[in-house]
Amino acid sequence: MLVRKLSECEEFIAGDNTILRELLHPDKQPLELRYSLAHATLPVGKTSTSHSLTTSEVYYIISGKGEMHINEETQIVEPGDAVYIPPNAKQFIHNCGDEPLIFVCMVDPAWRKEDETIYQ
């Protein structure tokens, strides 16, 4: 059995400038998974850097309020919302609430640096 405690996962700034803690990744743990799973935090008033992945991604909002941008679409997201981000979609999220925006990111197949494009 593998149990990863969030508090024991190293915090780092991701390429999109969110605060990330990687929970599960098949290249870093002996897991038979296609996807990677991470916990993300975006402080109040901050916006992630626009980026795209060649893979699909899902955000699951845990707390806070955000304005999700995928290609030309924009929608408010709140706790309990799951957001599907298709491969190659240009995306970013803005914390428009009054508390940190906390969400889970699932990338399938698992996230790899070479699959991500950051737009400046």
Protein backbone atom coordinates (compact mmCIF):
# COMPACT_ATOMS: atom_id res chain seq x y z
CA MET A 1 0.00 0.00 0.00
CA LEU A 2 1.25 3.45 -0.88
CA VAL A 3 -0.14 6.42 1.04
CA ARG A 4 1.28 9.87 0.29
CA LYS A 5 0.68 12.55 2.88
CA LEU A 6 0.36 16.04 1.44
CA SER A 7 2.36 17.48 4.33
CA GLU A 8 5.30 15.24 3.39
CA CYS A 9 5.33 16.23 -0.30
CA GLU A 10 7.86 18.90 -1.22
CA GLU A 11 6.36 22.22 -2.25
CA PHE A 12 7.71 23.92 -5.39
CA ILE A 13 6.75 26.57 -7.92
CA ALA A 14 5.52 24.93 -11.12
CA GLY A 15 6.18 26.22 -14.63
CA ASP A 16 2.79 27.97 -14.58
CA ASN A 17 3.67 29.69 -11.24
CA THR A 18 1.24 27.74 -9.09
CA ILE A 19 2.48 26.31 -5.79
CA LEU A 20 2.55 22.56 -6.40
CA ARG A 21 2.99 19.38 -4.38
CA GLU A 22 3.27 16.23 -6.46
CA LEU A 23 1.34 13.38 -4.85
CA LEU A 24 1.59 10.54 -7.37
CA HIS A 25 3.69 10.10 -10.49
CA PRO A 26 4.38 6.73 -12.17
CA ASP A 27 7.95 7.79 -13.07
CA LYS A 28 8.78 8.58 -9.44
CA GLN A 29 7.01 5.79 -7.57
CA PRO A 30 6.49 2.10 -8.38
CA LEU A 31 2.91 2.61 -9.58
CA GLU A 32 0.92 1.18 -12.44
CA LEU A 33 -0.70 4.49 -13.35
CA ARG A 34 -1.05 6.36 -16.62
CA TYR A 35 -1.69 9.69 -14.87
CA SER A 36 0.06 11.99 -12.40
CA LEU A 37 -1.70 13.68 -9.48
CA ALA A 38 -0.71 16.97 -7.84
CA HIS A 39 -2.08 19.45 -5.29
CA ALA A 40 -1.99 23.10 -6.39
CA THR A 41 -2.38 26.40 -4.56
CA LEU A 42 -2.82 29.83 -6.12
CA PRO A 43 -2.72 32.82 -3.73
CA VAL A 44 -5.46 35.47 -3.67
CA GLY A 45 -5.35 37.76 -6.68
CA LYS A 46 -2.73 35.70 -8.53
CA THR A 47 -3.01 34.22 -12.03
CA SER A 48 -1.22 31.14 -13.30
CA THR A 49 0.96 31.59 -16.36
CA SER A 50 -0.75 30.73 -19.62
CA HIS A 51 0.37 27.29 -20.77
CA SER A 52 -0.66 24.18 -22.68
CA LEU A 53 0.02 20.48 -22.40
CA THR A 54 0.05 17.91 -25.19
CA THR A 55 -1.88 15.70 -22.76
CA SER A 56 -5.31 16.05 -21.14
CA GLU A 57 -5.67 17.53 -17.67
CA VAL A 58 -8.40 17.75 -15.04
CA TYR A 59 -8.62 20.32 -12.24
CA TYR A 60 -10.79 19.50 -9.22
CA ILE A 61 -11.48 22.59 -7.11
CA ILE A 62 -11.19 22.00 -3.35
CA SER A 63 -11.53 25.54 -2.00
CA GLY A 64 -11.56 29.14 -3.15
CA LYS A 65 -12.97 30.69 -6.29
CA GLY A 66 -11.30 30.93 -9.67
CA GLU A 67 -11.80 32.21 -13.17
CA MET A 68 -10.77 29.39 -15.53
CA HIS A 69 -9.61 30.25 -19.04
CA ILE A 70 -9.37 27.52 -21.69
CA ASN A 71 -8.67 28.73 -25.21
CA GLU A 72 -11.35 31.42 -25.80
CA GLU A 73 -13.71 30.26 -23.02
CA THR A 74 -13.90 31.65 -19.46
CA GLN A 75 -15.93 30.31 -16.55
CA ILE A 76 -16.04 30.78 -12.77
CA VAL A 77 -15.08 27.63 -10.84
CA GLU A 78 -15.78 26.84 -7.19
CA PRO A 79 -15.38 23.95 -4.73
CA GLY A 80 -16.72 20.70 -6.12
CA ASP A 81 -16.18 21.67 -9.76
CA ALA A 82 -14.17 19.41 -12.07
CA VAL A 83 -12.67 21.08 -15.14
CA TYR A 84 -11.59 19.07 -18.19
CA ILE A 85 -8.73 20.66 -20.15
CA PRO A 86 -8.22 19.02 -23.56
CA PRO A 87 -4.78 18.34 -25.03
CA ASN A 88 -3.06 21.39 -26.56
CA ALA A 89 -5.56 23.84 -25.05
CA LYS A 90 -4.11 27.19 -23.96
CA GLN A 91 -5.10 27.57 -20.32
CA PHE A 92 -4.69 29.61 -17.16
CA ILE A 93 -6.62 30.22 -13.96
CA HIS A 94 -7.06 33.41 -11.91
CA ASN A 95 -7.86 33.43 -8.20
CA CYS A 96 -10.77 35.87 -8.06
CA GLY A 97 -11.80 34.93 -4.53
CA ASP A 98 -10.81 36.08 -1.05
CA GLU A 99 -8.91 32.94 0.00
CA PRO A 100 -6.23 30.73 -1.59
CA LEU A 101 -7.51 28.73 -4.55
CA ILE A 102 -6.73 25.07 -3.89
CA PHE A 103 -7.22 22.38 -6.50
CA VAL A 104 -6.04 18.95 -7.55
CA CYS A 105 -4.47 18.46 -11.00
CA MET A 106 -4.58 15.14 -12.79
CA VAL A 107 -2.61 14.81 -16.04
CA ASP A 108 -3.10 11.82 -18.34
CA PRO A 109 -0.72 10.51 -19.52
CA ALA A 110 1.50 11.58 -16.63
CA TRP A 111 2.98 15.09 -16.72
CA ARG A 112 6.37 15.51 -18.42
CA LYS A 113 8.26 18.79 -18.85
CA GLU A 114 8.64 18.21 -22.59
CA ASP A 115 4.84 18.04 -22.95
CA GLU A 116 4.33 21.57 -21.57
CA THR A 117 4.54 24.93 -23.36
CA ILE A 118 4.67 28.08 -21.23
CA TYR A 119 3.46 31.32 -22.86
CA GLN A 120 4.99 34.59 -21.65
